[in-house]
Amino acid sequence: MVIALEDIRQLPLGQRIQLVEDIWDTVVAEDADFPLSGAQMDELDRRREELQANPAAAIPWSEAKARLLAKA
């Protein structure tokens, strides 16, 4: 089944986010190895350091997702 990008753009934001999440779940389920670029590794390191310096600034994924879906 192929879905046209134009059709996806017509979906409400919450449904588009859910679609992306569902697609990502299928990718992760394949347990593929995704090599990261140097820039991506640097960004992950920066974010880890930021989190360690200020753990109270982070929010759980469930809360972030709920905020995103509430805006849809």
PDB file of N, CA and C in Angstrom:
ATOM      1  N   MET A   1       0.843  -1.180   0.000  1.00  0.00           N
ATOM      2  CA  MET A   1       0.000   0.000   0.000  1.00  0.00           C
ATOM      3  C   MET A   1       0.885   1.239   0.000  1.00  0.00           C
ATOM      4  N   VAL A   2       0.643   2.113  -0.941  1.00  0.00           N
ATOM      5  CA  VAL A   2       1.396   3.351  -1.042  1.00  0.00           C
ATOM      6  C   VAL A   2       0.457   4.511  -0.749  1.00  0.00           C
ATOM      7  N   ILE A   3       0.888   5.391   0.148  1.00  0.00           N
ATOM      8  CA  ILE A   3       0.095   6.566   0.493  1.00  0.00           C
ATOM      9  C   ILE A   3       0.807   7.784  -0.085  1.00  0.00           C
ATOM     10  N   ALA A   4       0.071   8.598  -0.805  1.00  0.00           N
ATOM     11  CA  ALA A   4       0.647   9.788  -1.412  1.00  0.00           C
ATOM     12  C   ALA A   4       0.957  10.829  -0.336  1.00  0.00           C
ATOM     13  N   LEU A   5       2.065  11.521  -0.509  1.00  0.00           N
ATOM     14  CA  LEU A   5       2.461  12.566   0.430  1.00  0.00           C
ATOM     15  C   LEU A   5       1.380  13.638   0.546  1.00  0.00           C
ATOM     16  N   GLU A   6       0.713  13.934  -0.547  1.00  0.00           N
ATOM     17  CA  GLU A   6      -0.363  14.931  -0.521  1.00  0.00           C
ATOM     18  C   GLU A   6      -1.483  14.492   0.424  1.00  0.00           C
ATOM     19  N   ASP A   7      -1.775  13.196   0.436  1.00  0.00           N
ATOM     20  CA  ASP A   7      -2.807  12.667   1.335  1.00  0.00           C
ATOM     21  C   ASP A   7      -2.366  12.780   2.794  1.00  0.00           C
ATOM     22  N   ILE A   8      -1.104  12.515   3.036  1.00  0.00           N
ATOM     23  CA  ILE A   8      -0.579  12.602   4.401  1.00  0.00           C
ATOM     24  C   ILE A   8      -0.654  14.042   4.895  1.00  0.00           C
ATOM     25  N   ARG A   9      -0.338  14.990   4.042  1.00  0.00           N
ATOM     26  CA  ARG A   9      -0.393  16.403   4.430  1.00  0.00           C
ATOM     27  C   ARG A   9      -1.798  16.841   4.823  1.00  0.00           C
ATOM     28  N   GLN A  10      -2.797  16.156   4.364  1.00  0.00           N
ATOM     29  CA  GLN A  10      -4.185  16.507   4.674  1.00  0.00           C
ATOM     30  C   GLN A  10      -4.623  15.988   6.043  1.00  0.00           C
ATOM     31  N   LEU A  11      -3.863  15.068   6.612  1.00  0.00           N
ATOM     32  CA  LEU A  11      -4.220  14.523   7.924  1.00  0.00           C
ATOM     33  C   LEU A  11      -4.010  15.566   9.012  1.00  0.00           C
ATOM     34  N   PRO A  12      -4.815  15.526  10.071  1.00  0.00           N
ATOM     35  CA  PRO A  12      -4.566  16.409  11.217  1.00  0.00           C
ATOM     36  C   PRO A  12      -3.191  16.113  11.830  1.00  0.00           C
ATOM     37  N   LEU A  13      -2.623  17.088  12.482  1.00  0.00           N
ATOM     38  CA  LEU A  13      -1.279  16.964  13.039  1.00  0.00           C
ATOM     39  C   LEU A  13      -1.128  15.731  13.922  1.00  0.00           C
ATOM     40  N   GLY A  14      -2.076  15.501  14.790  1.00  0.00           N
ATOM     41  CA  GLY A  14      -1.991  14.344  15.686  1.00  0.00           C
ATOM     42  C   GLY A  14      -1.905  13.030  14.935  1.00  0.00           C
ATOM     43  N   GLN A  15      -2.662  12.904  13.861  1.00  0.00           N
ATOM     44  CA  GLN A  15      -2.625  11.678  13.060  1.00  0.00           C
ATOM     45  C   GLN A  15      -1.288  11.549  12.317  1.00  0.00           C
ATOM     46  N   ARG A  16      -0.744  12.673  11.865  1.00  0.00           N
ATOM     47  CA  ARG A  16       0.568  12.618  11.198  1.00  0.00           C
ATOM     48  C   ARG A  16       1.655  12.207  12.176  1.00  0.00           C
ATOM     49  N   ILE A  17       1.594  12.731  13.394  1.00  0.00           N
ATOM     50  CA  ILE A  17       2.576  12.340  14.413  1.00  0.00           C
ATOM     51  C   ILE A  17       2.441  10.849  14.717  1.00  0.00           C
ATOM     52  N   GLN A  18       1.211  10.373  14.859  1.00  0.00           N
ATOM     53  CA  GLN A  18       0.998   8.954  15.131  1.00  0.00           C
ATOM     54  C   GLN A  18       1.510   8.095  13.987  1.00  0.00           C
ATOM     55  N   LEU A  19       1.311   8.536  12.754  1.00  0.00           N
ATOM     56  CA  LEU A  19       1.801   7.805  11.588  1.00  0.00           C
ATOM     57  C   LEU A  19       3.323   7.691  11.616  1.00  0.00           C
ATOM     58  N   VAL A  20       3.982   8.799  11.918  1.00  0.00           N
ATOM     59  CA  VAL A  20       5.445   8.773  12.002  1.00  0.00           C
ATOM     60  C   VAL A  20       5.898   7.818  13.106  1.00  0.00           C
ATOM     61  N   GLU A  21       5.222   7.866  14.240  1.00  0.00           N
ATOM     62  CA  GLU A  21       5.570   6.971  15.344  1.00  0.00           C
ATOM     63  C   GLU A  21       5.377   5.511  14.949  1.00  0.00           C
ATOM     64  N   ASP A  22       4.268   5.224  14.266  1.00  0.00           N
ATOM     65  CA  ASP A  22       4.010   3.851  13.821  1.00  0.00           C
ATOM     66  C   ASP A  22       5.067   3.379  12.825  1.00  0.00           C
ATOM     67  N   ILE A  23       5.443   4.256  11.904  1.00  0.00           N
ATOM     68  CA  ILE A  23       6.491   3.906  10.938  1.00  0.00           C
ATOM     69  C   ILE A  23       7.804   3.660  11.665  1.00  0.00           C
ATOM     70  N   TRP A  24       8.134   4.545  12.610  1.00  0.00           N
ATOM     71  CA  TRP A  24       9.387   4.382  13.354  1.00  0.00           C
ATOM     72  C   TRP A  24       9.398   3.052  14.105  1.00  0.00           C
ATOM     73  N   ASP A  25       8.267   2.671  14.688  1.00  0.00           N
ATOM     74  CA  ASP A  25       8.195   1.401  15.407  1.00  0.00           C
ATOM     75  C   ASP A  25       8.525   0.224  14.481  1.00  0.00           C
ATOM     76  N   THR A  26       8.111   0.302  13.216  1.00  0.00           N
ATOM     77  CA  THR A  26       8.428  -0.787  12.289  1.00  0.00           C
ATOM     78  C   THR A  26       9.912  -0.810  11.952  1.00  0.00           C
ATOM     79  N   VAL A  27      10.532   0.360  11.908  1.00  0.00           N
ATOM     80  CA  VAL A  27      11.970   0.440  11.620  1.00  0.00           C
ATOM     81  C   VAL A  27      12.752  -0.149  12.789  1.00  0.00           C
ATOM     82  N   VAL A  28      12.397   0.255  13.996  1.00  0.00           N
ATOM     83  CA  VAL A  28      13.095  -0.226  15.194  1.00  0.00           C
ATOM     84  C   VAL A  28      12.928  -1.735  15.347  1.00  0.00           C
ATOM     85  N   ALA A  29      11.761  -2.245  14.987  1.00  0.00           N
ATOM     86  CA  ALA A  29      11.492  -3.673  15.124  1.00  0.00           C
ATOM     87  C   ALA A  29      12.437  -4.517  14.272  1.00  0.00           C
ATOM     88  N   GLU A  30      12.974  -3.933  13.217  1.00  0.00           N
ATOM     89  CA  GLU A  30      13.904  -4.671  12.358  1.00  0.00           C
ATOM     90  C   GLU A  30      15.294  -4.784  12.961  1.00  0.00           C
ATOM     91  N   ASP A  31      15.534  -4.072  14.051  1.00  0.00           N
ATOM     92  CA  ASP A  31      16.801  -4.143  14.765  1.00  0.00           C
ATOM     93  C   ASP A  31      17.990  -3.857  13.842  1.00  0.00           C
ATOM     94  N   ALA A  32      17.812  -2.888  12.962  1.00  0.00           N
ATOM     95  CA  ALA A  32      18.877  -2.520  12.032  1.00  0.00           C
ATOM     96  C   ALA A  32      19.900  -1.633  12.731  1.00  0.00           C
ATOM     97  N   ASP A  33      21.111  -1.673  12.272  1.00  0.00           N
ATOM     98  CA  ASP A  33      22.187  -0.848  12.809  1.00  0.00           C
ATOM     99  C   ASP A  33      22.218   0.460  12.023  1.00  0.00           C
ATOM    100  N   PHE A  34      22.073   1.582  12.730  1.00  0.00           N
ATOM    101  CA  PHE A  34      22.076   2.883  12.090  1.00  0.00           C
ATOM    102  C   PHE A  34      23.340   3.637  12.494  1.00  0.00           C
ATOM    103  N   PRO A  35      24.325   3.673  11.617  1.00  0.00           N
ATOM    104  CA  PRO A  35      25.540   4.412  11.961  1.00  0.00           C
ATOM    105  C   PRO A  35      25.246   5.915  12.027  1.00  0.00           C
ATOM    106  N   LEU A  36      25.789   6.571  13.023  1.00  0.00           N
ATOM    107  CA  LEU A  36      25.593   8.007  13.184  1.00  0.00           C
ATOM    108  C   LEU A  36      26.798   8.769  12.644  1.00  0.00           C
ATOM    109  N   SER A  37      26.535   9.956  12.129  1.00  0.00           N
ATOM    110  CA  SER A  37      27.623  10.807  11.646  1.00  0.00           C
ATOM    111  C   SER A  37      28.330  11.438  12.846  1.00  0.00           C
ATOM    112  N   GLY A  38      29.477  12.010  12.597  1.00  0.00           N
ATOM    113  CA  GLY A  38      30.201  12.699  13.662  1.00  0.00           C
ATOM    114  C   GLY A  38      29.374  13.825  14.255  1.00  0.00           C
ATOM    115  N   ALA A  39      28.670  14.568  13.396  1.00  0.00           N
ATOM    116  CA  ALA A  39      27.829  15.666  13.862  1.00  0.00           C
ATOM    117  C   ALA A  39      26.690  15.157  14.749  1.00  0.00           C
ATOM    118  N   GLN A  40      26.104  14.018  14.373  1.00  0.00           N
ATOM    119  CA  GLN A  40      25.032  13.439  15.187  1.00  0.00           C
ATOM    120  C   GLN A  40      25.567  12.980  16.540  1.00  0.00           C
ATOM    121  N   MET A  41      26.736  12.362  16.545  1.00  0.00           N
ATOM    122  CA  MET A  41      27.349  11.935  17.812  1.00  0.00           C
ATOM    123  C   MET A  41      27.661  13.146  18.695  1.00  0.00           C
ATOM    124  N   ASP A  42      28.172  14.216  18.078  1.00  0.00           N
ATOM    125  CA  ASP A  42      28.469  15.436  18.835  1.00  0.00           C
ATOM    126  C   ASP A  42      27.200  16.004  19.457  1.00  0.00           C
ATOM    127  N   GLU A  43      26.105  16.007  18.688  1.00  0.00           N
ATOM    128  CA  GLU A  43      24.833  16.532  19.197  1.00  0.00           C
ATOM    129  C   GLU A  43      24.315  15.670  20.345  1.00  0.00           C
ATOM    130  N   LEU A  44      24.415  14.360  20.225  1.00  0.00           N
ATOM    131  CA  LEU A  44      23.997  13.484  21.327  1.00  0.00           C
ATOM    132  C   LEU A  44      24.837  13.729  22.573  1.00  0.00           C
ATOM    133  N   ASP A  45      26.131  13.882  22.385  1.00  0.00           N
ATOM    134  CA  ASP A  45      27.010  14.178  23.526  1.00  0.00           C
ATOM    135  C   ASP A  45      26.625  15.506  24.177  1.00  0.00           C
ATOM    136  N   ARG A  46      26.340  16.520  23.350  1.00  0.00           N
ATOM    137  CA  ARG A  46      25.954  17.833  23.877  1.00  0.00           C
ATOM    138  C   ARG A  46      24.664  17.723  24.684  1.00  0.00           C
ATOM    139  N   ARG A  47      23.702  16.989  24.146  1.00  0.00           N
ATOM    140  CA  ARG A  47      22.422  16.833  24.845  1.00  0.00           C
ATOM    141  C   ARG A  47      22.580  16.053  26.144  1.00  0.00           C
ATOM    142  N   ARG A  48      23.434  15.031  26.121  1.00  0.00           N
ATOM    143  CA  ARG A  48      23.677  14.252  27.344  1.00  0.00           C
ATOM    144  C   ARG A  48      24.293  15.143  28.416  1.00  0.00           C
ATOM    145  N   GLU A  49      25.276  15.953  28.026  1.00  0.00           N
ATOM    146  CA  GLU A  49      25.917  16.860  28.980  1.00  0.00           C
ATOM    147  C   GLU A  49      24.918  17.874  29.524  1.00  0.00           C
ATOM    148  N   GLU A  50      24.048  18.383  28.650  1.00  0.00           N
ATOM    149  CA  GLU A  50      23.027  19.339  29.078  1.00  0.00           C
ATOM    150  C   GLU A  50      22.069  18.699  30.078  1.00  0.00           C
ATOM    151  N   LEU A  51      21.662  17.472  29.813  1.00  0.00           N
ATOM    152  CA  LEU A  51      20.769  16.761  30.723  1.00  0.00           C
ATOM    153  C   LEU A  51      21.440  16.498  32.062  1.00  0.00           C
ATOM    154  N   GLN A  52      22.696  16.104  32.031  1.00  0.00           N
ATOM    155  CA  GLN A  52      23.411  15.837  33.277  1.00  0.00           C
ATOM    156  C   GLN A  52      23.587  17.114  34.094  1.00  0.00           C
ATOM    157  N   ALA A  53      23.757  18.245  33.409  1.00  0.00           N
ATOM    158  CA  ALA A  53      23.930  19.520  34.103  1.00  0.00           C
ATOM    159  C   ALA A  53      22.616  20.042  34.683  1.00  0.00           C
ATOM    160  N   ASN A  54      21.494  19.698  34.039  1.00  0.00           N
ATOM    161  CA  ASN A  54      20.199  20.206  34.483  1.00  0.00           C
ATOM    162  C   ASN A  54      19.105  19.161  34.258  1.00  0.00           C
ATOM    163  N   PRO A  55      19.090  18.095  35.050  1.00  0.00           N
ATOM    164  CA  PRO A  55      18.109  17.023  34.849  1.00  0.00           C
ATOM    165  C   PRO A  55      16.657  17.470  35.029  1.00  0.00           C
ATOM    166  N   ALA A  56      16.422  18.519  35.789  1.00  0.00           N
ATOM    167  CA  ALA A  56      15.052  18.986  36.019  1.00  0.00           C
ATOM    168  C   ALA A  56      14.441  19.612  34.768  1.00  0.00           C
ATOM    169  N   ALA A  57      15.253  19.955  33.787  1.00  0.00           N
ATOM    170  CA  ALA A  57      14.742  20.575  32.560  1.00  0.00           C
ATOM    171  C   ALA A  57      14.102  19.553  31.619  1.00  0.00           C
ATOM    172  N   ALA A  58      14.353  18.281  31.839  1.00  0.00           N
ATOM    173  CA  ALA A  58      13.822  17.229  30.959  1.00  0.00           C
ATOM    174  C   ALA A  58      12.394  16.877  31.356  1.00  0.00           C
ATOM    175  N   ILE A  59      11.624  16.431  30.360  1.00  0.00           N
ATOM    176  CA  ILE A  59      10.286  15.919  30.628  1.00  0.00           C
ATOM    177  C   ILE A  59      10.184  14.523  30.023  1.00  0.00           C
ATOM    178  N   PRO A  60       9.344  13.672  30.586  1.00  0.00           N
ATOM    179  CA  PRO A  60       9.201  12.320  30.040  1.00  0.00           C
ATOM    180  C   PRO A  60       8.570  12.353  28.646  1.00  0.00           C
ATOM    181  N   TRP A  61       8.883  11.345  27.818  1.00  0.00           N
ATOM    182  CA  TRP A  61       8.333  11.266  26.473  1.00  0.00           C
ATOM    183  C   TRP A  61       6.809  11.296  26.502  1.00  0.00           C
ATOM    184  N   SER A  62       6.195  10.633  27.478  1.00  0.00           N
ATOM    185  CA  SER A  62       4.728  10.601  27.530  1.00  0.00           C
ATOM    186  C   SER A  62       4.156  12.014  27.661  1.00  0.00           C
ATOM    187  N   GLU A  63       4.818  12.868  28.420  1.00  0.00           N
ATOM    188  CA  GLU A  63       4.350  14.249  28.566  1.00  0.00           C
ATOM    189  C   GLU A  63       4.592  15.053  27.294  1.00  0.00           C
ATOM    190  N   ALA A  64       5.750  14.883  26.678  1.00  0.00           N
ATOM    191  CA  ALA A  64       6.040  15.585  25.425  1.00  0.00           C
ATOM    192  C   ALA A  64       5.040  15.184  24.348  1.00  0.00           C
ATOM    193  N   LYS A  65       4.754  13.896  24.251  1.00  0.00           N
ATOM    194  CA  LYS A  65       3.805  13.395  23.261  1.00  0.00           C
ATOM    195  C   LYS A  65       2.419  13.963  23.523  1.00  0.00           C
ATOM    196  N   ALA A  66       2.007  13.978  24.775  1.00  0.00           N
ATOM    197  CA  ALA A  66       0.688  14.512  25.113  1.00  0.00           C
ATOM    198  C   ALA A  66       0.586  15.983  24.740  1.00  0.00           C
ATOM    199  N   ARG A  67       1.638  16.752  24.964  1.00  0.00           N
ATOM    200  CA  ARG A  67       1.651  18.158  24.572  1.00  0.00           C
ATOM    201  C   ARG A  67       1.510  18.327  23.070  1.00  0.00           C
ATOM    202  N   LEU A  68       2.244  17.513  22.324  1.00  0.00           N
ATOM    203  CA  LEU A  68       2.176  17.595  20.866  1.00  0.00           C
ATOM    204  C   LEU A  68       0.785  17.235  20.356  1.00  0.00           C
ATOM    205  N   LEU A  69       0.231  16.172  20.896  1.00  0.00           N
ATOM    206  CA  LEU A  69      -1.080  15.732  20.444  1.00  0.00           C
ATOM    207  C   LEU A  69      -2.186  16.701  20.862  1.00  0.00           C
ATOM    208  N   ALA A  70      -1.992  17.417  21.956  1.00  0.00           N
ATOM    209  CA  ALA A  70      -2.988  18.394  22.426  1.00  0.00           C
ATOM    210  C   ALA A  70      -3.060  19.585  21.473  1.00  0.00           C
ATOM    211  N   LYS A  71      -1.964  19.851  20.773  1.00  0.00           N
ATOM    212  CA  LYS A  71      -1.911  20.982  19.844  1.00  0.00           C
ATOM    213  C   LYS A  71      -2.579  20.646  18.516  1.00  0.00           C
ATOM    214  N   ALA A  72      -2.836  19.368  18.285  1.00  0.00           N
ATOM    215  CA  ALA A  72      -3.403  18.945  16.988  1.00  0.00           C
ATOM    216  C   ALA A  72      -4.860  19.306  16.877  1.00  0.00           C
TER     217      ALA A  72
END
